[in-house]
Amino acid sequence: MLEIKQANNIIQFCLFAVKTRKEAKQMACIDSISAMEDRLKELKGIIEDQWDRKGEYAAIISQQSDGYFPQASSHEQDLSTISLCGPVSSVSTDSRSESPA
């Protein structure tokens, strides 16, 4: 009877060990999934921040390019003020055009 009780205790101990290993494995999987979900949330936040910055930079570049490329009306006005300055004399600095006599 003592041997049966010892065998029963051994079986219960083994079953408990197996159950404990399964629970430990399950807990490790749950922790891993939780860590991945946290990392995913963090990465989504980073992506949203980058999209926001991209929009801000695009707006800045657009504003700057508006300053560098004026509209046609202001460009035509600039050309008209240049033409009021008077004729420009053409002076040749090319030595080939002058021939010795």
PDB file of N, CA and C in Angstrom:
ATOM      1  N   MET A   1       0.816  -1.179   0.000  1.00  0.00           N
ATOM      2  CA  MET A   1       0.000   0.000   0.000  1.00  0.00           C
ATOM      3  C   MET A   1       0.867   1.253   0.000  1.00  0.00           C
ATOM      4  N   LEU A   2       1.997   1.174   0.656  1.00  0.00           N
ATOM      5  CA  LEU A   2       2.926   2.292   0.715  1.00  0.00           C
ATOM      6  C   LEU A   2       3.492   2.589  -0.664  1.00  0.00           C
ATOM      7  N   GLU A   3       3.758   1.542  -1.439  1.00  0.00           N
ATOM      8  CA  GLU A   3       4.291   1.729  -2.788  1.00  0.00           C
ATOM      9  C   GLU A   3       3.267   2.418  -3.690  1.00  0.00           C
ATOM     10  N   ILE A   4       2.009   2.056  -3.523  1.00  0.00           N
ATOM     11  CA  ILE A   4       0.959   2.678  -4.337  1.00  0.00           C
ATOM     12  C   ILE A   4       0.836   4.162  -3.971  1.00  0.00           C
ATOM     13  N   LYS A   5       0.932   4.454  -2.705  1.00  0.00           N
ATOM     14  CA  LYS A   5       0.836   5.845  -2.265  1.00  0.00           C
ATOM     15  C   LYS A   5       2.023   6.643  -2.784  1.00  0.00           C
ATOM     16  N   GLN A   6       3.222   6.063  -2.742  1.00  0.00           N
ATOM     17  CA  GLN A   6       4.410   6.735  -3.258  1.00  0.00           C
ATOM     18  C   GLN A   6       4.289   6.953  -4.776  1.00  0.00           C
ATOM     19  N   ALA A   7       3.806   5.945  -5.488  1.00  0.00           N
ATOM     20  CA  ALA A   7       3.624   6.062  -6.937  1.00  0.00           C
ATOM     21  C   ALA A   7       2.591   7.146  -7.248  1.00  0.00           C
ATOM     22  N   ASN A   8       1.527   7.162  -6.463  1.00  0.00           N
ATOM     23  CA  ASN A   8       0.496   8.180  -6.656  1.00  0.00           C
ATOM     24  C   ASN A   8       1.073   9.576  -6.410  1.00  0.00           C
ATOM     25  N   ASN A   9       1.889   9.730  -5.391  1.00  0.00           N
ATOM     26  CA  ASN A   9       2.529  11.015  -5.097  1.00  0.00           C
ATOM     27  C   ASN A   9       3.469  11.436  -6.229  1.00  0.00           C
ATOM     28  N   ILE A  10       4.205  10.474  -6.757  1.00  0.00           N
ATOM     29  CA  ILE A  10       5.122  10.760  -7.870  1.00  0.00           C
ATOM     30  C   ILE A  10       4.333  11.211  -9.099  1.00  0.00           C
ATOM     31  N   ILE A  11       3.237  10.521  -9.386  1.00  0.00           N
ATOM     32  CA  ILE A  11       2.407  10.881 -10.542  1.00  0.00           C
ATOM     33  C   ILE A  11       1.830  12.287 -10.350  1.00  0.00           C
ATOM     34  N   GLN A  12       1.331  12.571  -9.166  1.00  0.00           N
ATOM     35  CA  GLN A  12       0.785  13.903  -8.902  1.00  0.00           C
ATOM     36  C   GLN A  12       1.871  14.980  -9.030  1.00  0.00           C
ATOM     37  N   PHE A  13       3.067  14.680  -8.536  1.00  0.00           N
ATOM     38  CA  PHE A  13       4.174  15.621  -8.638  1.00  0.00           C
ATOM     39  C   PHE A  13       4.526  15.876 -10.103  1.00  0.00           C
ATOM     40  N   CYS A  14       4.568  14.804 -10.902  1.00  0.00           N
ATOM     41  CA  CYS A  14       4.880  14.935 -12.333  1.00  0.00           C
ATOM     42  C   CYS A  14       3.799  15.730 -13.052  1.00  0.00           C
ATOM     43  N   LEU A  15       2.538  15.437 -12.738  1.00  0.00           N
ATOM     44  CA  LEU A  15       1.444  16.183 -13.362  1.00  0.00           C
ATOM     45  C   LEU A  15       1.500  17.664 -12.977  1.00  0.00           C
ATOM     46  N   PHE A  16       1.834  17.923 -11.722  1.00  0.00           N
ATOM     47  CA  PHE A  16       1.962  19.302 -11.268  1.00  0.00           C
ATOM     48  C   PHE A  16       3.110  20.007 -11.988  1.00  0.00           C
ATOM     49  N   ALA A  17       4.217  19.285 -12.173  1.00  0.00           N
ATOM     50  CA  ALA A  17       5.367  19.858 -12.877  1.00  0.00           C
ATOM     51  C   ALA A  17       5.013  20.175 -14.328  1.00  0.00           C
ATOM     52  N   VAL A  18       4.289  19.246 -14.979  1.00  0.00           N
ATOM     53  CA  VAL A  18       3.875  19.473 -16.366  1.00  0.00           C
ATOM     54  C   VAL A  18       2.930  20.667 -16.429  1.00  0.00           C
ATOM     55  N   LYS A  19       1.984  20.711 -15.502  1.00  0.00           N
ATOM     56  CA  LYS A  19       1.028  21.813 -15.468  1.00  0.00           C
ATOM     57  C   LYS A  19       1.760  23.132 -15.228  1.00  0.00           C
ATOM     58  N   THR A  20       2.724  23.126 -14.333  1.00  0.00           N
ATOM     59  CA  THR A  20       3.496  24.326 -14.034  1.00  0.00           C
ATOM     60  C   THR A  20       4.286  24.781 -15.257  1.00  0.00           C
ATOM     61  N   ARG A  21       4.881  23.838 -15.989  1.00  0.00           N
ATOM     62  CA  ARG A  21       5.625  24.191 -17.206  1.00  0.00           C
ATOM     63  C   ARG A  21       4.704  24.796 -18.250  1.00  0.00           C
ATOM     64  N   LYS A  22       3.514  24.196 -18.414  1.00  0.00           N
ATOM     65  CA  LYS A  22       2.555  24.725 -19.390  1.00  0.00           C
ATOM     66  C   LYS A  22       2.114  26.132 -18.998  1.00  0.00           C
ATOM     67  N   GLU A  23       1.850  26.315 -17.706  1.00  0.00           N
ATOM     68  CA  GLU A  23       1.445  27.639 -17.244  1.00  0.00           C
ATOM     69  C   GLU A  23       2.575  28.649 -17.429  1.00  0.00           C
ATOM     70  N   ALA A  24       3.794  28.224 -17.157  1.00  0.00           N
ATOM     71  CA  ALA A  24       4.938  29.118 -17.336  1.00  0.00           C
ATOM     72  C   ALA A  24       5.106  29.488 -18.809  1.00  0.00           C
ATOM     73  N   LYS A  25       4.942  28.504 -19.687  1.00  0.00           N
ATOM     74  CA  LYS A  25       5.047  28.756 -21.121  1.00  0.00           C
ATOM     75  C   LYS A  25       3.932  29.697 -21.572  1.00  0.00           C
ATOM     76  N   GLN A  26       2.728  29.464 -21.061  1.00  0.00           N
ATOM     77  CA  GLN A  26       1.596  30.319 -21.403  1.00  0.00           C
ATOM     78  C   GLN A  26       1.838  31.751 -20.922  1.00  0.00           C
ATOM     79  N   MET A  27       2.339  31.903 -19.713  1.00  0.00           N
ATOM     80  CA  MET A  27       2.623  33.232 -19.185  1.00  0.00           C
ATOM     81  C   MET A  27       3.712  33.928 -19.999  1.00  0.00           C
ATOM     82  N   ALA A  28       4.717  33.172 -20.425  1.00  0.00           N
ATOM     83  CA  ALA A  28       5.775  33.752 -21.250  1.00  0.00           C
ATOM     84  C   ALA A  28       5.217  34.225 -22.591  1.00  0.00           C
ATOM     85  N   CYS A  29       4.322  33.437 -23.177  1.00  0.00           N
ATOM     86  CA  CYS A  29       3.687  33.831 -24.445  1.00  0.00           C
ATOM     87  C   CYS A  29       2.845  35.086 -24.258  1.00  0.00           C
ATOM     88  N   ILE A  30       2.090  35.139 -23.172  1.00  0.00           N
ATOM     89  CA  ILE A  30       1.257  36.311 -22.898  1.00  0.00           C
ATOM     90  C   ILE A  30       2.132  37.551 -22.719  1.00  0.00           C
ATOM     91  N   ASP A  31       3.227  37.409 -21.983  1.00  0.00           N
ATOM     92  CA  ASP A  31       4.146  38.534 -21.789  1.00  0.00           C
ATOM     93  C   ASP A  31       4.762  38.983 -23.112  1.00  0.00           C
ATOM     94  N   SER A  32       5.127  38.018 -23.948  1.00  0.00           N
ATOM     95  CA  SER A  32       5.714  38.340 -25.249  1.00  0.00           C
ATOM     96  C   SER A  32       4.717  39.083 -26.133  1.00  0.00           C
ATOM     97  N   ILE A  33       3.484  38.609 -26.159  1.00  0.00           N
ATOM     98  CA  ILE A  33       2.441  39.268 -26.959  1.00  0.00           C
ATOM     99  C   ILE A  33       2.191  40.679 -26.433  1.00  0.00           C
ATOM    100  N   SER A  34       2.155  40.820 -25.128  1.00  0.00           N
ATOM    101  CA  SER A  34       1.940  42.135 -24.527  1.00  0.00           C
ATOM    102  C   SER A  34       3.077  43.092 -24.889  1.00  0.00           C
ATOM    103  N   ALA A  35       4.305  42.598 -24.850  1.00  0.00           N
ATOM    104  CA  ALA A  35       5.458  43.432 -25.211  1.00  0.00           C
ATOM    105  C   ALA A  35       5.388  43.843 -26.683  1.00  0.00           C
ATOM    106  N   MET A  36       4.971  42.903 -27.554  1.00  0.00           N
ATOM    107  CA  MET A  36       4.842  43.231 -28.977  1.00  0.00           C
ATOM    108  C   MET A  36       3.750  44.273 -29.201  1.00  0.00           C
ATOM    109  N   GLU A  37       2.645  44.156 -28.485  1.00  0.00           N
ATOM    110  CA  GLU A  37       1.560  45.135 -28.621  1.00  0.00           C
ATOM    111  C   GLU A  37       2.023  46.516 -28.172  1.00  0.00           C
ATOM    112  N   ASP A  38       2.784  46.563 -27.073  1.00  0.00           N
ATOM    113  CA  ASP A  38       3.310  47.844 -26.599  1.00  0.00           C
ATOM    114  C   ASP A  38       4.259  48.452 -27.628  1.00  0.00           C
ATOM    115  N   ARG A  39       5.130  47.628 -28.193  1.00  0.00           N
ATOM    116  CA  ARG A  39       6.077  48.101 -29.214  1.00  0.00           C
ATOM    117  C   ARG A  39       5.326  48.589 -30.456  1.00  0.00           C
ATOM    118  N   LEU A  40       4.271  47.882 -30.831  1.00  0.00           N
ATOM    119  CA  LEU A  40       3.464  48.269 -31.986  1.00  0.00           C
ATOM    120  C   LEU A  40       2.811  49.635 -31.757  1.00  0.00           C
ATOM    121  N   LYS A  41       2.284  49.858 -30.554  1.00  0.00           N
ATOM    122  CA  LYS A  41       1.698  51.161 -30.229  1.00  0.00           C
ATOM    123  C   LYS A  41       2.753  52.261 -30.307  1.00  0.00           C
ATOM    124  N   GLU A  42       3.938  51.962 -29.790  1.00  0.00           N
ATOM    125  CA  GLU A  42       5.031  52.937 -29.825  1.00  0.00           C
ATOM    126  C   GLU A  42       5.408  53.281 -31.268  1.00  0.00           C
ATOM    127  N   LEU A  43       5.534  52.260 -32.114  1.00  0.00           N
ATOM    128  CA  LEU A  43       5.897  52.492 -33.513  1.00  0.00           C
ATOM    129  C   LEU A  43       4.807  53.258 -34.259  1.00  0.00           C
ATOM    130  N   LYS A  44       3.546  52.964 -33.962  1.00  0.00           N
ATOM    131  CA  LYS A  44       2.451  53.714 -34.592  1.00  0.00           C
ATOM    132  C   LYS A  44       2.524  55.186 -34.195  1.00  0.00           C
ATOM    133  N   GLY A  45       2.842  55.447 -32.938  1.00  0.00           N
ATOM    134  CA  GLY A  45       2.996  56.832 -32.493  1.00  0.00           C
ATOM    135  C   GLY A  45       4.137  57.535 -33.207  1.00  0.00           C
ATOM    136  N   ILE A  46       5.247  56.825 -33.385  1.00  0.00           N
ATOM    137  CA  ILE A  46       6.390  57.400 -34.101  1.00  0.00           C
ATOM    138  C   ILE A  46       6.006  57.717 -35.540  1.00  0.00           C
ATOM    139  N   ILE A  47       5.285  56.806 -36.183  1.00  0.00           N
ATOM    140  CA  ILE A  47       4.863  57.027 -37.572  1.00  0.00           C
ATOM    141  C   ILE A  47       3.941  58.240 -37.660  1.00  0.00           C
ATOM    142  N   GLU A  48       3.004  58.362 -36.730  1.00  0.00           N
ATOM    143  CA  GLU A  48       2.101  59.520 -36.736  1.00  0.00           C
ATOM    144  C   GLU A  48       2.882  60.817 -36.560  1.00  0.00           C
ATOM    145  N   ASP A  49       3.871  60.812 -35.655  1.00  0.00           N
ATOM    146  CA  ASP A  49       4.696  62.005 -35.457  1.00  0.00           C
ATOM    147  C   ASP A  49       5.461  62.355 -36.730  1.00  0.00           C
ATOM    148  N   GLN A  50       5.990  61.346 -37.426  1.00  0.00           N
ATOM    149  CA  GLN A  50       6.731  61.602 -38.659  1.00  0.00           C
ATOM    150  C   GLN A  50       5.821  62.145 -39.749  1.00  0.00           C
ATOM    151  N   TRP A  51       4.594  61.644 -39.847  1.00  0.00           N
ATOM    152  CA  TRP A  51       3.641  62.170 -40.832  1.00  0.00           C
ATOM    153  C   TRP A  51       3.320  63.629 -40.526  1.00  0.00           C
ATOM    154  N   ASP A  52       3.153  63.940 -39.224  1.00  0.00           N
ATOM    155  CA  ASP A  52       2.870  65.322 -38.837  1.00  0.00           C
ATOM    156  C   ASP A  52       4.040  66.232 -39.209  1.00  0.00           C
ATOM    157  N   ARG A  53       5.268  65.788 -38.902  1.00  0.00           N
ATOM    158  CA  ARG A  53       6.448  66.579 -39.247  1.00  0.00           C
ATOM    159  C   ARG A  53       6.585  66.740 -40.754  1.00  0.00           C
ATOM    160  N   LYS A  54       6.266  65.682 -41.497  1.00  0.00           N
ATOM    161  CA  LYS A  54       6.343  65.758 -42.954  1.00  0.00           C
ATOM    162  C   LYS A  54       5.390  66.830 -43.471  1.00  0.00           C
ATOM    163  N   GLY A  55       4.185  66.875 -42.921  1.00  0.00           N
ATOM    164  CA  GLY A  55       3.225  67.900 -43.321  1.00  0.00           C
ATOM    165  C   GLY A  55       3.711  69.303 -42.978  1.00  0.00           C
ATOM    166  N   GLU A  56       4.308  69.452 -41.794  1.00  0.00           N
ATOM    167  CA  GLU A  56       4.838  70.753 -41.393  1.00  0.00           C
ATOM    168  C   GLU A  56       5.967  71.179 -42.324  1.00  0.00           C
ATOM    169  N   TYR A  57       6.879  70.252 -42.631  1.00  0.00           N
ATOM    170  CA  TYR A  57       7.996  70.569 -43.521  1.00  0.00           C
ATOM    171  C   TYR A  57       7.500  70.905 -44.923  1.00  0.00           C
ATOM    172  N   ALA A  58       6.492  70.194 -45.390  1.00  0.00           N
ATOM    173  CA  ALA A  58       5.938  70.474 -46.720  1.00  0.00           C
ATOM    174  C   ALA A  58       5.332  71.875 -46.750  1.00  0.00           C
ATOM    175  N   ALA A  59       4.665  72.268 -45.673  1.00  0.00           N
ATOM    176  CA  ALA A  59       4.085  73.610 -45.608  1.00  0.00           C
ATOM    177  C   ALA A  59       5.182  74.673 -45.606  1.00  0.00           C
ATOM    178  N   ILE A  60       6.254  74.426 -44.871  1.00  0.00           N
ATOM    179  CA  ILE A  60       7.368  75.380 -44.826  1.00  0.00           C
ATOM    180  C   ILE A  60       8.009  75.507 -46.200  1.00  0.00           C
ATOM    181  N   ILE A  61       8.256  74.384 -46.847  1.00  0.00           N
ATOM    182  CA  ILE A  61       8.868  74.404 -48.181  1.00  0.00           C
ATOM    183  C   ILE A  61       7.951  75.110 -49.168  1.00  0.00           C
ATOM    184  N   SER A  62       6.673  74.875 -49.066  1.00  0.00           N
ATOM    185  CA  SER A  62       5.715  75.527 -49.955  1.00  0.00           C
ATOM    186  C   SER A  62       5.737  77.041 -49.752  1.00  0.00           C
ATOM    187  N   GLN A  63       5.785  77.477 -48.508  1.00  0.00           N
ATOM    188  CA  GLN A  63       5.841  78.910 -48.222  1.00  0.00           C
ATOM    189  C   GLN A  63       7.137  79.517 -48.745  1.00  0.00           C
ATOM    190  N   GLN A  64       8.248  78.802 -48.575  1.00  0.00           N
ATOM    191  CA  GLN A  64       9.527  79.314 -49.049  1.00  0.00           C
ATOM    192  C   GLN A  64       9.565  79.361 -50.570  1.00  0.00           C
ATOM    193  N   SER A  65       9.020  78.354 -51.218  1.00  0.00           N
ATOM    194  CA  SER A  65       9.046  78.346 -52.678  1.00  0.00           C
ATOM    195  C   SER A  65       8.145  79.436 -53.238  1.00  0.00           C
ATOM    196  N   ASP A  66       7.091  79.821 -52.533  1.00  0.00           N
ATOM    197  CA  ASP A  66       6.256  80.936 -52.975  1.00  0.00           C
ATOM    198  C   ASP A  66       7.069  82.225 -52.985  1.00  0.00           C
ATOM    199  N   GLY A  67       7.995  82.375 -52.067  1.00  0.00           N
ATOM    200  CA  GLY A  67       8.849  83.556 -52.030  1.00  0.00           C
ATOM    201  C   GLY A  67       9.891  83.546 -53.133  1.00  0.00           C
ATOM    202  N   TYR A  68      10.366  82.401 -53.540  1.00  0.00           N
ATOM    203  CA  TYR A  68      11.394  82.301 -54.570  1.00  0.00           C
ATOM    204  C   TYR A  68      10.818  82.378 -55.972  1.00  0.00           C
ATOM    205  N   PHE A  69       9.598  81.984 -56.155  1.00  0.00           N
ATOM    206  CA  PHE A  69       8.970  81.987 -57.465  1.00  0.00           C
ATOM    207  C   PHE A  69       7.765  82.916 -57.422  1.00  0.00           C
ATOM    208  N   PRO A  70       7.978  84.220 -57.642  1.00  0.00           N
ATOM    209  CA  PRO A  70       6.857  85.156 -57.561  1.00  0.00           C
ATOM    210  C   PRO A  70       5.862  84.916 -58.680  1.00  0.00           C
ATOM    211  N   GLN A  71       4.676  85.448 -58.493  1.00  0.00           N
ATOM    212  CA  GLN A  71       3.634  85.288 -59.500  1.00  0.00           C
ATOM    213  C   GLN A  71       3.993  86.099 -60.739  1.00  0.00           C
ATOM    214  N   ALA A  72       3.334  85.821 -61.858  1.00  0.00           N
ATOM    215  CA  ALA A  72       3.656  86.452 -63.139  1.00  0.00           C
ATOM    216  C   ALA A  72       3.467  87.959 -63.089  1.00  0.00           C
ATOM    217  N   SER A  73       2.460  88.454 -62.392  1.00  0.00           N
ATOM    218  CA  SER A  73       2.200  89.896 -62.374  1.00  0.00           C
ATOM    219  C   SER A  73       3.354  90.651 -61.727  1.00  0.00           C
ATOM    220  N   SER A  74       3.890  90.159 -60.638  1.00  0.00           N
ATOM    221  CA  SER A  74       5.013  90.843 -60.004  1.00  0.00           C
ATOM    222  C   SER A  74       6.269  90.698 -60.852  1.00  0.00           C
ATOM    223  N   HIS A  75       6.405  89.597 -61.561  1.00  0.00           N
ATOM    224  CA  HIS A  75       7.555  89.394 -62.441  1.00  0.00           C
ATOM    225  C   HIS A  75       7.507  90.390 -63.598  1.00  0.00           C
ATOM    226  N   GLU A  76       6.336  90.584 -64.187  1.00  0.00           N
ATOM    227  CA  GLU A  76       6.193  91.545 -65.280  1.00  0.00           C
ATOM    228  C   GLU A  76       6.454  92.957 -64.783  1.00  0.00           C
ATOM    229  N   GLN A  77       6.052  93.253 -63.563  1.00  0.00           N
ATOM    230  CA  GLN A  77       6.295  94.574 -62.996  1.00  0.00           C
ATOM    231  C   GLN A  77       7.795  94.792 -62.819  1.00  0.00           C
ATOM    232  N   ASP A  78       8.517  93.787 -62.382  1.00  0.00           N
ATOM    233  CA  ASP A  78       9.963  93.892 -62.235  1.00  0.00           C
ATOM    234  C   ASP A  78      10.617  94.159 -63.582  1.00  0.00           C
ATOM    235  N   LEU A  79      10.156  93.501 -64.641  1.00  0.00           N
ATOM    236  CA  LEU A  79      10.725  93.703 -65.966  1.00  0.00           C
ATOM    237  C   LEU A  79      10.455  95.112 -66.474  1.00  0.00           C
ATOM    238  N   SER A  80       9.292  95.671 -66.173  1.00  0.00           N
ATOM    239  CA  SER A  80       8.977  97.022 -66.641  1.00  0.00           C
ATOM    240  C   SER A  80       9.854  98.057 -65.952  1.00  0.00           C
ATOM    241  N   THR A  81      10.196  97.860 -64.701  1.00  0.00           N
ATOM    242  CA  THR A  81      11.079  98.812 -64.023  1.00  0.00           C
ATOM    243  C   THR A  81      12.486  98.719 -64.568  1.00  0.00           C
ATOM    244  N   ILE A  82      12.896  97.560 -64.996  1.00  0.00           N
ATOM    245  CA  ILE A  82      14.228  97.409 -65.585  1.00  0.00           C
ATOM    246  C   ILE A  82      14.296  98.134 -66.921  1.00  0.00           C
ATOM    247  N   SER A  83      13.277  98.064 -67.722  1.00  0.00           N
ATOM    248  CA  SER A  83      13.297  98.698 -69.036  1.00  0.00           C
ATOM    249  C   SER A  83      13.254 100.216 -68.927  1.00  0.00           C
ATOM    250  N   LEU A  84      12.816 100.777 -67.813  1.00  0.00           N
ATOM    251  CA  LEU A  84      12.784 102.219 -67.631  1.00  0.00           C
ATOM    252  C   LEU A  84      14.150 102.796 -67.311  1.00  0.00           C
ATOM    253  N   CYS A  85      15.098 101.983 -67.032  1.00  0.00           N
ATOM    254  CA  CYS A  85      16.427 102.444 -66.650  1.00  0.00           C
ATOM    255  C   CYS A  85      17.195 103.026 -67.831  1.00  0.00           C
ATOM    256  N   GLY A  86      16.793 102.764 -69.025  1.00  0.00           N
ATOM    257  CA  GLY A  86      17.483 103.301 -70.186  1.00  0.00           C
ATOM    258  C   GLY A  86      18.133 102.201 -70.978  1.00  0.00           C
ATOM    259  N   PRO A  87      18.611 102.536 -72.177  1.00  0.00           N
ATOM    260  CA  PRO A  87      19.225 101.520 -73.022  1.00  0.00           C
ATOM    261  C   PRO A  87      20.569 101.087 -72.469  1.00  0.00           C
ATOM    262  N   VAL A  88      20.886  99.887 -72.744  1.00  0.00           N
ATOM    263  CA  VAL A  88      22.157  99.328 -72.311  1.00  0.00           C
ATOM    264  C   VAL A  88      23.073  99.327 -73.520  1.00  0.00           C
ATOM    265  N   SER A  89      24.258  99.941 -73.374  1.00  0.00           N
ATOM    266  CA  SER A  89      25.200  99.957 -74.495  1.00  0.00           C
ATOM    267  C   SER A  89      25.902  98.619 -74.556  1.00  0.00           C
ATOM    268  N   SER A  90      26.087  98.146 -75.756  1.00  0.00           N
ATOM    269  CA  SER A  90      26.759  96.863 -75.898  1.00  0.00           C
ATOM    270  C   SER A  90      28.230  97.113 -76.144  1.00  0.00           C
ATOM    271  N   VAL A  91      29.035  96.628 -75.278  1.00  0.00           N
ATOM    272  CA  VAL A  91      30.482  96.769 -75.392  1.00  0.00           C
ATOM    273  C   VAL A  91      31.037  95.383 -75.569  1.00  0.00           C
ATOM    274  N   SER A  92      31.792  95.206 -76.618  1.00  0.00           N
ATOM    275  CA  SER A  92      32.354  93.900 -76.880  1.00  0.00           C
ATOM    276  C   SER A  92      33.684  93.778 -76.171  1.00  0.00           C
ATOM    277  N   THR A  93      33.836  92.717 -75.434  1.00  0.00           N
ATOM    278  CA  THR A  93      35.109  92.459 -74.776  1.00  0.00           C
ATOM    279  C   THR A  93      35.843  91.326 -75.458  1.00  0.00           C
ATOM    280  N   ASP A  94      35.300  90.864 -76.551  1.00  0.00           N
ATOM    281  CA  ASP A  94      35.918  89.760 -77.270  1.00  0.00           C
ATOM    282  C   ASP A  94      37.019  90.312 -78.165  1.00  0.00           C
ATOM    283  N   SER A  95      38.236  89.882 -77.982  1.00  0.00           N
ATOM    284  CA  SER A  95      39.369  90.394 -78.758  1.00  0.00           C
ATOM    285  C   SER A  95      39.331  89.914 -80.197  1.00  0.00           C
ATOM    286  N   ARG A  96      38.605  88.868 -80.507  1.00  0.00           N
ATOM    287  CA  ARG A  96      38.542  88.359 -81.870  1.00  0.00           C
ATOM    288  C   ARG A  96      37.728  89.268 -82.772  1.00  0.00           C
ATOM    289  N   SER A  97      36.793  90.026 -82.209  1.00  0.00           N
ATOM    290  CA  SER A  97      35.948  90.877 -83.046  1.00  0.00           C
ATOM    291  C   SER A  97      36.694  92.105 -83.547  1.00  0.00           C
ATOM    292  N   GLU A  98      37.761  92.475 -82.865  1.00  0.00           N
ATOM    293  CA  GLU A  98      38.545  93.628 -83.305  1.00  0.00           C
ATOM    294  C   GLU A  98      39.649  93.139 -84.231  1.00  0.00           C
ATOM    295  N   SER A  99      39.705  93.691 -85.423  1.00  0.00           N
ATOM    296  CA  SER A  99      40.761  93.278 -86.347  1.00  0.00           C
ATOM    297  C   SER A  99      41.754  94.418 -86.512  1.00  0.00           C
ATOM    298  N   PRO A 100      43.036  94.128 -86.455  1.00  0.00           N
ATOM    299  CA  PRO A 100      44.038  95.199 -86.615  1.00  0.00           C
ATOM    300  C   PRO A 100      44.056  95.684 -88.064  1.00  0.00           C
ATOM    301  N   ALA A 101      44.201  96.965 -88.269  1.00  0.00           N
ATOM    302  CA  ALA A 101      44.215  97.514 -89.613  1.00  0.00           C
ATOM    303  C   ALA A 101      45.581  97.897 -90.062  1.00  0.00           C
TER     304      ALA A 101
END
